[in-house]
Amino acid sequence: MLSVTEVARNFRRVLDSVEHGQEEIVLVRNRRRVARLVPEAPAENALEVFGDLYRTLDDRTADALSNAVSALRKRRTGRVSELRNPWPAG
């Protein structure tokens, strides 16, 4: 935690800590937490995001999703919106 005054006086150093040290910094004013400086998440491409999603699914849903993507690729006319939602509302 750093005071707002300290952050203002050392802004460049604080940003370097957030960016390069991947540090999260809580800003305090009058002994109250008022804000957070959080490092930006690294950029990911669609394949990395899909891989992260795939690892969160149960085996049956993951297989169904994989099969649907494969079938749509073969048709080359499919849309993401045509995939079944594995988390239906309700």
PDB file of N, CA and C in Angstrom:
ATOM      1  N   MET A   1       0.839  -1.175   0.000  1.00  0.00           N
ATOM      2  CA  MET A   1       0.000   0.000   0.000  1.00  0.00           C
ATOM      3  C   MET A   1       0.889   1.246   0.000  1.00  0.00           C
ATOM      4  N   LEU A   2       0.468   2.206  -0.774  1.00  0.00           N
ATOM      5  CA  LEU A   2       1.181   3.477  -0.854  1.00  0.00           C
ATOM      6  C   LEU A   2       0.181   4.606  -0.724  1.00  0.00           C
ATOM      7  N   SER A   3       0.625   5.688  -0.123  1.00  0.00           N
ATOM      8  CA  SER A   3      -0.251   6.853  -0.028  1.00  0.00           C
ATOM      9  C   SER A   3      -0.365   7.498  -1.401  1.00  0.00           C
ATOM     10  N   VAL A   4      -1.473   8.162  -1.615  1.00  0.00           N
ATOM     11  CA  VAL A   4      -1.686   8.879  -2.873  1.00  0.00           C
ATOM     12  C   VAL A   4      -0.579   9.903  -3.081  1.00  0.00           C
ATOM     13  N   THR A   5      -0.158  10.562  -2.014  1.00  0.00           N
ATOM     14  CA  THR A   5       0.914  11.554  -2.095  1.00  0.00           C
ATOM     15  C   THR A   5       2.220  10.905  -2.561  1.00  0.00           C
ATOM     16  N   GLU A   6       2.560   9.760  -1.986  1.00  0.00           N
ATOM     17  CA  GLU A   6       3.786   9.063  -2.372  1.00  0.00           C
ATOM     18  C   GLU A   6       3.738   8.633  -3.836  1.00  0.00           C
ATOM     19  N   VAL A   7       2.600   8.160  -4.270  1.00  0.00           N
ATOM     20  CA  VAL A   7       2.451   7.757  -5.667  1.00  0.00           C
ATOM     21  C   VAL A   7       2.613   8.965  -6.585  1.00  0.00           C
ATOM     22  N   ALA A   8       2.003  10.084  -6.212  1.00  0.00           N
ATOM     23  CA  ALA A   8       2.106  11.293  -7.031  1.00  0.00           C
ATOM     24  C   ALA A   8       3.555  11.765  -7.137  1.00  0.00           C
ATOM     25  N   ARG A   9       4.297  11.681  -6.057  1.00  0.00           N
ATOM     26  CA  ARG A   9       5.691  12.136  -6.062  1.00  0.00           C
ATOM     27  C   ARG A   9       6.617  11.182  -6.804  1.00  0.00           C
ATOM     28  N   ASN A  10       6.247   9.916  -6.894  1.00  0.00           N
ATOM     29  CA  ASN A  10       7.113   8.895  -7.499  1.00  0.00           C
ATOM     30  C   ASN A  10       6.376   8.112  -8.583  1.00  0.00           C
ATOM     31  N   PHE A  11       5.570   8.813  -9.352  1.00  0.00           N
ATOM     32  CA  PHE A  11       4.671   8.145 -10.283  1.00  0.00           C
ATOM     33  C   PHE A  11       5.397   7.220 -11.261  1.00  0.00           C
ATOM     34  N   ARG A  12       6.497   7.690 -11.821  1.00  0.00           N
ATOM     35  CA  ARG A  12       7.233   6.871 -12.791  1.00  0.00           C
ATOM     36  C   ARG A  12       7.746   5.587 -12.154  1.00  0.00           C
ATOM     37  N   ARG A  13       8.322   5.684 -10.971  1.00  0.00           N
ATOM     38  CA  ARG A  13       8.825   4.498 -10.271  1.00  0.00           C
ATOM     39  C   ARG A  13       7.690   3.525  -9.938  1.00  0.00           C
ATOM     40  N   VAL A  14       6.559   4.074  -9.526  1.00  0.00           N
ATOM     41  CA  VAL A  14       5.403   3.240  -9.196  1.00  0.00           C
ATOM     42  C   VAL A  14       4.902   2.516 -10.451  1.00  0.00           C
ATOM     43  N   LEU A  15       4.782   3.235 -11.559  1.00  0.00           N
ATOM     44  CA  LEU A  15       4.349   2.594 -12.805  1.00  0.00           C
ATOM     45  C   LEU A  15       5.333   1.528 -13.259  1.00  0.00           C
ATOM     46  N   ASP A  16       6.632   1.777 -13.085  1.00  0.00           N
ATOM     47  CA  ASP A  16       7.631   0.764 -13.427  1.00  0.00           C
ATOM     48  C   ASP A  16       7.429  -0.494 -12.590  1.00  0.00           C
ATOM     49  N   SER A  17       7.118  -0.326 -11.306  1.00  0.00           N
ATOM     50  CA  SER A  17       6.864  -1.485 -10.437  1.00  0.00           C
ATOM     51  C   SER A  17       5.650  -2.268 -10.905  1.00  0.00           C
ATOM     52  N   VAL A  18       4.631  -1.541 -11.316  1.00  0.00           N
ATOM     53  CA  VAL A  18       3.412  -2.210 -11.792  1.00  0.00           C
ATOM     54  C   VAL A  18       3.696  -2.925 -13.102  1.00  0.00           C
ATOM     55  N   GLU A  19       4.353  -2.229 -14.026  1.00  0.00           N
ATOM     56  CA  GLU A  19       4.582  -2.793 -15.358  1.00  0.00           C
ATOM     57  C   GLU A  19       5.618  -3.908 -15.351  1.00  0.00           C
ATOM     58  N   HIS A  20       6.788  -3.645 -14.817  1.00  0.00           N
ATOM     59  CA  HIS A  20       7.890  -4.605 -14.914  1.00  0.00           C
ATOM     60  C   HIS A  20       7.884  -5.630 -13.781  1.00  0.00           C
ATOM     61  N   GLY A  21       7.494  -5.210 -12.599  1.00  0.00           N
ATOM     62  CA  GLY A  21       7.456  -6.123 -11.465  1.00  0.00           C
ATOM     63  C   GLY A  21       6.142  -6.851 -11.327  1.00  0.00           C
ATOM     64  N   GLN A  22       5.186  -6.529 -12.223  1.00  0.00           N
ATOM     65  CA  GLN A  22       3.848  -7.118 -12.174  1.00  0.00           C
ATOM     66  C   GLN A  22       3.257  -7.016 -10.766  1.00  0.00           C
ATOM     67  N   GLU A  23       3.500  -5.867 -10.134  1.00  0.00           N
ATOM     68  CA  GLU A  23       3.042  -5.596  -8.780  1.00  0.00           C
ATOM     69  C   GLU A  23       1.687  -4.916  -8.811  1.00  0.00           C
ATOM     70  N   GLU A  24       0.795  -5.303  -7.921  1.00  0.00           N
ATOM     71  CA  GLU A  24      -0.460  -4.587  -7.734  1.00  0.00           C
ATOM     72  C   GLU A  24      -0.253  -3.616  -6.580  1.00  0.00           C
ATOM     73  N   ILE A  25      -0.635  -2.372  -6.772  1.00  0.00           N
ATOM     74  CA  ILE A  25      -0.418  -1.358  -5.742  1.00  0.00           C
ATOM     75  C   ILE A  25      -1.760  -0.768  -5.315  1.00  0.00           C
ATOM     76  N   VAL A  26      -1.975  -0.750  -4.014  1.00  0.00           N
ATOM     77  CA  VAL A  26      -3.183  -0.161  -3.440  1.00  0.00           C
ATOM     78  C   VAL A  26      -2.852   1.260  -3.004  1.00  0.00           C
ATOM     79  N   LEU A  27      -3.664   2.219  -3.441  1.00  0.00           N
ATOM     80  CA  LEU A  27      -3.468   3.619  -3.074  1.00  0.00           C
ATOM     81  C   LEU A  27      -4.354   3.954  -1.879  1.00  0.00           C
ATOM     82  N   VAL A  28      -3.747   4.652  -0.928  1.00  0.00           N
ATOM     83  CA  VAL A  28      -4.432   4.980   0.319  1.00  0.00           C
ATOM     84  C   VAL A  28      -4.476   6.489   0.491  1.00  0.00           C
ATOM     85  N   ARG A  29      -5.660   6.990   0.886  1.00  0.00           N
ATOM     86  CA  ARG A  29      -5.820   8.416   1.197  1.00  0.00           C
ATOM     87  C   ARG A  29      -6.546   8.498   2.543  1.00  0.00           C
ATOM     88  N   ASN A  30      -5.952   9.216   3.481  1.00  0.00           N
ATOM     89  CA  ASN A  30      -6.545   9.350   4.818  1.00  0.00           C
ATOM     90  C   ASN A  30      -6.855   7.990   5.442  1.00  0.00           C
ATOM     91  N   ARG A  31      -5.902   7.077   5.315  1.00  0.00           N
ATOM     92  CA  ARG A  31      -5.965   5.721   5.882  1.00  0.00           C
ATOM     93  C   ARG A  31      -7.092   4.863   5.281  1.00  0.00           C
ATOM     94  N   ARG A  32      -7.627   5.283   4.135  1.00  0.00           N
ATOM     95  CA  ARG A  32      -8.656   4.495   3.448  1.00  0.00           C
ATOM     96  C   ARG A  32      -8.143   4.069   2.086  1.00  0.00           C
ATOM     97  N   ARG A  33      -8.409   2.843   1.735  1.00  0.00           N
ATOM     98  CA  ARG A  33      -8.061   2.360   0.395  1.00  0.00           C
ATOM     99  C   ARG A  33      -8.982   3.037  -0.610  1.00  0.00           C
ATOM    100  N   VAL A  34      -8.380   3.646  -1.629  1.00  0.00           N
ATOM    101  CA  VAL A  34      -9.199   4.385  -2.594  1.00  0.00           C
ATOM    102  C   VAL A  34      -9.058   3.878  -4.029  1.00  0.00           C
ATOM    103  N   ALA A  35      -7.973   3.175  -4.340  1.00  0.00           N
ATOM    104  CA  ALA A  35      -7.790   2.719  -5.716  1.00  0.00           C
ATOM    105  C   ALA A  35      -6.714   1.635  -5.757  1.00  0.00           C
ATOM    106  N   ARG A  36      -6.647   0.960  -6.901  1.00  0.00           N
ATOM    107  CA  ARG A  36      -5.619  -0.048  -7.159  1.00  0.00           C
ATOM    108  C   ARG A  36      -4.995   0.216  -8.525  1.00  0.00           C
ATOM    109  N   LEU A  37      -3.696   0.056  -8.598  1.00  0.00           N
ATOM    110  CA  LEU A  37      -2.998   0.032  -9.887  1.00  0.00           C
ATOM    111  C   LEU A  37      -2.659  -1.433 -10.127  1.00  0.00           C
ATOM    112  N   VAL A  38      -3.177  -1.969 -11.220  1.00  0.00           N
ATOM    113  CA  VAL A  38      -3.032  -3.392 -11.512  1.00  0.00           C
ATOM    114  C   VAL A  38      -2.350  -3.550 -12.863  1.00  0.00           C
ATOM    115  N   PRO A  39      -1.369  -4.457 -12.975  1.00  0.00           N
ATOM    116  CA  PRO A  39      -0.705  -4.647 -14.270  1.00  0.00           C
ATOM    117  C   PRO A  39      -1.691  -5.147 -15.327  1.00  0.00           C
ATOM    118  N   GLU A  40      -1.487  -4.705 -16.533  1.00  0.00           N
ATOM    119  CA  GLU A  40      -2.289  -5.152 -17.661  1.00  0.00           C
ATOM    120  C   GLU A  40      -1.987  -6.622 -17.928  1.00  0.00           C
ATOM    121  N   ALA A  41      -3.010  -7.384 -18.207  1.00  0.00           N
ATOM    122  CA  ALA A  41      -2.821  -8.803 -18.529  1.00  0.00           C
ATOM    123  C   ALA A  41      -2.086  -8.917 -19.862  1.00  0.00           C
ATOM    124  N   PRO A  42      -1.228  -9.926 -20.001  1.00  0.00           N
ATOM    125  CA  PRO A  42      -0.526 -10.090 -21.272  1.00  0.00           C
ATOM    126  C   PRO A  42      -1.516 -10.387 -22.409  1.00  0.00           C
ATOM    127  N   ALA A  43      -1.172  -9.941 -23.588  1.00  0.00           N
ATOM    128  CA  ALA A  43      -2.025 -10.182 -24.755  1.00  0.00           C
ATOM    129  C   ALA A  43      -2.065 -11.669 -25.066  1.00  0.00           C
ATOM    130  N   GLU A  44      -3.244 -12.152 -25.440  1.00  0.00           N
ATOM    131  CA  GLU A  44      -3.396 -13.548 -25.825  1.00  0.00           C
ATOM    132  C   GLU A  44      -4.068 -13.609 -27.184  1.00  0.00           C
ATOM    133  N   ASN A  45      -3.663 -14.595 -27.962  1.00  0.00           N
ATOM    134  CA  ASN A  45      -4.352 -14.784 -29.236  1.00  0.00           C
ATOM    135  C   ASN A  45      -5.550 -15.720 -29.020  1.00  0.00           C
ATOM    136  N   ALA A  46      -6.377 -15.857 -30.024  1.00  0.00           N
ATOM    137  CA  ALA A  46      -7.603 -16.647 -29.908  1.00  0.00           C
ATOM    138  C   ALA A  46      -7.315 -18.099 -29.534  1.00  0.00           C
ATOM    139  N   LEU A  47      -6.242 -18.667 -30.052  1.00  0.00           N
ATOM    140  CA  LEU A  47      -5.916 -20.061 -29.754  1.00  0.00           C
ATOM    141  C   LEU A  47      -5.582 -20.245 -28.275  1.00  0.00           C
ATOM    142  N   GLU A  48      -4.852 -19.297 -27.688  1.00  0.00           N
ATOM    143  CA  GLU A  48      -4.524 -19.374 -26.261  1.00  0.00           C
ATOM    144  C   GLU A  48      -5.780 -19.243 -25.402  1.00  0.00           C
ATOM    145  N   VAL A  49      -6.665 -18.336 -25.787  1.00  0.00           N
ATOM    146  CA  VAL A  49      -7.915 -18.161 -25.036  1.00  0.00           C
ATOM    147  C   VAL A  49      -8.762 -19.422 -25.137  1.00  0.00           C
ATOM    148  N   PHE A  50      -8.856 -19.985 -26.326  1.00  0.00           N
ATOM    149  CA  PHE A  50      -9.624 -21.217 -26.520  1.00  0.00           C
ATOM    150  C   PHE A  50      -9.027 -22.349 -25.682  1.00  0.00           C
ATOM    151  N   GLY A  51      -7.696 -22.425 -25.640  1.00  0.00           N
ATOM    152  CA  GLY A  51      -7.041 -23.461 -24.833  1.00  0.00           C
ATOM    153  C   GLY A  51      -7.357 -23.314 -23.362  1.00  0.00           C
ATOM    154  N   ASP A  52      -7.380 -22.078 -22.869  1.00  0.00           N
ATOM    155  CA  ASP A  52      -7.737 -21.848 -21.469  1.00  0.00           C
ATOM    156  C   ASP A  52      -9.178 -22.267 -21.200  1.00  0.00           C
ATOM    157  N   LEU A  53     -10.085 -21.922 -22.101  1.00  0.00           N
ATOM    158  CA  LEU A  53     -11.486 -22.313 -21.962  1.00  0.00           C
ATOM    159  C   LEU A  53     -11.615 -23.831 -21.972  1.00  0.00           C
ATOM    160  N   TYR A  54     -10.947 -24.468 -22.917  1.00  0.00           N
ATOM    161  CA  TYR A  54     -11.036 -25.919 -23.080  1.00  0.00           C
ATOM    162  C   TYR A  54     -10.637 -26.644 -21.794  1.00  0.00           C
ATOM    163  N   ARG A  55      -9.600 -26.142 -21.105  1.00  0.00           N
ATOM    164  CA  ARG A  55      -9.135 -26.794 -19.870  1.00  0.00           C
ATOM    165  C   ARG A  55     -10.108 -26.626 -18.707  1.00  0.00           C
ATOM    166  N   THR A  56     -11.065 -25.709 -18.807  1.00  0.00           N
ATOM    167  CA  THR A  56     -12.024 -25.512 -17.720  1.00  0.00           C
ATOM    168  C   THR A  56     -13.274 -26.364 -17.879  1.00  0.00           C
ATOM    169  N   LEU A  57     -13.444 -26.990 -19.022  1.00  0.00           N
ATOM    170  CA  LEU A  57     -14.659 -27.760 -19.293  1.00  0.00           C
ATOM    171  C   LEU A  57     -14.515 -29.196 -18.812  1.00  0.00           C
ATOM    172  N   ASP A  58     -15.644 -29.824 -18.483  1.00  0.00           N
ATOM    173  CA  ASP A  58     -15.609 -31.255 -18.184  1.00  0.00           C
ATOM    174  C   ASP A  58     -15.350 -32.000 -19.492  1.00  0.00           C
ATOM    175  N   ASP A  59     -14.950 -33.264 -19.401  1.00  0.00           N
ATOM    176  CA  ASP A  59     -14.535 -34.026 -20.593  1.00  0.00           C
ATOM    177  C   ASP A  59     -15.639 -34.101 -21.649  1.00  0.00           C
ATOM    178  N   ARG A  60     -16.874 -34.348 -21.229  1.00  0.00           N
ATOM    179  CA  ARG A  60     -17.975 -34.493 -22.187  1.00  0.00           C
ATOM    180  C   ARG A  60     -18.204 -33.189 -22.951  1.00  0.00           C
ATOM    181  N   THR A  61     -18.224 -32.076 -22.248  1.00  0.00           N
ATOM    182  CA  THR A  61     -18.450 -30.780 -22.884  1.00  0.00           C
ATOM    183  C   THR A  61     -17.268 -30.387 -23.768  1.00  0.00           C
ATOM    184  N   ALA A  62     -16.051 -30.662 -23.288  1.00  0.00           N
ATOM    185  CA  ALA A  62     -14.853 -30.351 -24.073  1.00  0.00           C
ATOM    186  C   ALA A  62     -14.845 -31.139 -25.376  1.00  0.00           C
ATOM    187  N   ASP A  63     -15.196 -32.413 -25.304  1.00  0.00           N
ATOM    188  CA  ASP A  63     -15.249 -33.235 -26.519  1.00  0.00           C
ATOM    189  C   ASP A  63     -16.325 -32.728 -27.483  1.00  0.00           C
ATOM    190  N   ALA A  64     -17.484 -32.360 -26.936  1.00  0.00           N
ATOM    191  CA  ALA A  64     -18.564 -31.842 -27.777  1.00  0.00           C
ATOM    192  C   ALA A  64     -18.139 -30.538 -28.455  1.00  0.00           C
ATOM    193  N   LEU A  65     -17.482 -29.676 -27.718  1.00  0.00           N
ATOM    194  CA  LEU A  65     -17.011 -28.418 -28.289  1.00  0.00           C
ATOM    195  C   LEU A  65     -15.969 -28.665 -29.378  1.00  0.00           C
ATOM    196  N   SER A  66     -15.043 -29.555 -29.094  1.00  0.00           N
ATOM    197  CA  SER A  66     -14.005 -29.884 -30.075  1.00  0.00           C
ATOM    198  C   SER A  66     -14.608 -30.472 -31.345  1.00  0.00           C
ATOM    199  N   ASN A  67     -15.575 -31.375 -31.174  1.00  0.00           N
ATOM    200  CA  ASN A  67     -16.235 -31.988 -32.335  1.00  0.00           C
ATOM    201  C   ASN A  67     -17.013 -30.946 -33.132  1.00  0.00           C
ATOM    202  N   ALA A  68     -17.686 -30.029 -32.442  1.00  0.00           N
ATOM    203  CA  ALA A  68     -18.449 -28.987 -33.128  1.00  0.00           C
ATOM    204  C   ALA A  68     -17.518 -28.082 -33.927  1.00  0.00           C
ATOM    205  N   VAL A  69     -16.394 -27.708 -33.336  1.00  0.00           N
ATOM    206  CA  VAL A  69     -15.434 -26.857 -34.046  1.00  0.00           C
ATOM    207  C   VAL A  69     -14.885 -27.597 -35.261  1.00  0.00           C
ATOM    208  N   SER A  70     -14.553 -28.874 -35.097  1.00  0.00           N
ATOM    209  CA  SER A  70     -14.038 -29.657 -36.226  1.00  0.00           C
ATOM    210  C   SER A  70     -15.061 -29.745 -37.349  1.00  0.00           C
ATOM    211  N   ALA A  71     -16.309 -30.002 -36.991  1.00  0.00           N
ATOM    212  CA  ALA A  71     -17.362 -30.103 -38.006  1.00  0.00           C
ATOM    213  C   ALA A  71     -17.558 -28.774 -38.719  1.00  0.00           C
ATOM    214  N   LEU A  72     -17.542 -27.687 -37.967  1.00  0.00           N
ATOM    215  CA  LEU A  72     -17.711 -26.377 -38.592  1.00  0.00           C
ATOM    216  C   LEU A  72     -16.534 -26.028 -39.494  1.00  0.00           C
ATOM    217  N   ARG A  73     -15.343 -26.441 -39.094  1.00  0.00           N
ATOM    218  CA  ARG A  73     -14.176 -26.178 -39.950  1.00  0.00           C
ATOM    219  C   ARG A  73     -14.297 -26.919 -41.271  1.00  0.00           C
ATOM    220  N   LYS A  74     -14.818 -28.141 -41.217  1.00  0.00           N
ATOM    221  CA  LYS A  74     -14.971 -28.923 -42.449  1.00  0.00           C
ATOM    222  C   LYS A  74     -15.982 -28.260 -43.380  1.00  0.00           C
ATOM    223  N   ARG A  75     -17.050 -27.703 -42.794  1.00  0.00           N
ATOM    224  CA  ARG A  75     -18.065 -27.025 -43.603  1.00  0.00           C
ATOM    225  C   ARG A  75     -17.585 -25.657 -44.072  1.00  0.00           C
ATOM    226  N   ARG A  76     -16.747 -25.024 -43.270  1.00  0.00           N
ATOM    227  CA  ARG A  76     -16.212 -23.687 -43.559  1.00  0.00           C
ATOM    228  C   ARG A  76     -17.303 -22.627 -43.679  1.00  0.00           C
ATOM    229  N   THR A  77     -18.509 -22.944 -43.248  1.00  0.00           N
ATOM    230  CA  THR A  77     -19.581 -21.953 -43.306  1.00  0.00           C
ATOM    231  C   THR A  77     -20.137 -21.676 -41.916  1.00  0.00           C
ATOM    232  N   GLY A  78     -19.615 -22.353 -40.914  1.00  0.00           N
ATOM    233  CA  GLY A  78     -20.148 -22.228 -39.566  1.00  0.00           C
ATOM    234  C   GLY A  78     -19.790 -20.905 -38.912  1.00  0.00           C
ATOM    235  N   ARG A  79     -20.532 -20.600 -37.889  1.00  0.00           N
ATOM    236  CA  ARG A  79     -20.306 -19.392 -37.103  1.00  0.00           C
ATOM    237  C   ARG A  79     -20.194 -19.798 -35.633  1.00  0.00           C
ATOM    238  N   VAL A  80     -19.437 -19.028 -34.886  1.00  0.00           N
ATOM    239  CA  VAL A  80     -19.281 -19.289 -33.456  1.00  0.00           C
ATOM    240  C   VAL A  80     -20.644 -19.295 -32.779  1.00  0.00           C
ATOM    241  N   SER A  81     -21.564 -18.451 -33.237  1.00  0.00           N
ATOM    242  CA  SER A  81     -22.894 -18.361 -32.628  1.00  0.00           C
ATOM    243  C   SER A  81     -23.675 -19.664 -32.758  1.00  0.00           C
ATOM    244  N   GLU A  82     -23.262 -20.544 -33.665  1.00  0.00           N
ATOM    245  CA  GLU A  82     -23.950 -21.818 -33.847  1.00  0.00           C
ATOM    246  C   GLU A  82     -23.535 -22.866 -32.826  1.00  0.00           C
ATOM    247  N   LEU A  83     -22.467 -22.624 -32.103  1.00  0.00           N
ATOM    248  CA  LEU A  83     -22.023 -23.577 -31.098  1.00  0.00           C
ATOM    249  C   LEU A  83     -22.985 -23.577 -29.921  1.00  0.00           C
ATOM    250  N   ARG A  84     -23.206 -24.749 -29.350  1.00  0.00           N
ATOM    251  CA  ARG A  84     -24.077 -24.870 -28.183  1.00  0.00           C
ATOM    252  C   ARG A  84     -23.408 -24.238 -26.983  1.00  0.00           C
ATOM    253  N   ASN A  85     -24.148 -23.469 -26.205  1.00  0.00           N
ATOM    254  CA  ASN A  85     -23.643 -22.845 -24.990  1.00  0.00           C
ATOM    255  C   ASN A  85     -23.493 -23.912 -23.907  1.00  0.00           C
ATOM    256  N   PRO A  86     -22.265 -24.179 -23.412  1.00  0.00           N
ATOM    257  CA  PRO A  86     -22.096 -25.222 -22.388  1.00  0.00           C
ATOM    258  C   PRO A  86     -22.606 -24.773 -21.014  1.00  0.00           C
ATOM    259  N   TRP A  87     -22.936 -23.489 -20.869  1.00  0.00           N
ATOM    260  CA  TRP A  87     -23.463 -22.967 -19.608  1.00  0.00           C
ATOM    261  C   TRP A  87     -24.828 -22.337 -19.834  1.00  0.00           C
ATOM    262  N   PRO A  88     -25.829 -23.159 -20.122  1.00  0.00           N
ATOM    263  CA  PRO A  88     -27.158 -22.577 -20.404  1.00  0.00           C
ATOM    264  C   PRO A  88     -27.708 -21.870 -19.168  1.00  0.00           C
ATOM    265  N   ALA A  89     -28.425 -20.801 -19.404  1.00  0.00           N
ATOM    266  CA  ALA A  89     -29.044 -20.057 -18.307  1.00  0.00           C
ATOM    267  C   ALA A  89     -30.171 -20.877 -17.702  1.00  0.00           C
ATOM    268  N   GLY A  90     -30.364 -20.670 -16.424  1.00  0.00           N
ATOM    269  CA  GLY A  90     -31.524 -21.323 -15.837  1.00  0.00           C
ATOM    270  C   GLY A  90     -31.176 -22.152 -14.736  1.00  0.00           C
TER     271      GLY A  90
END
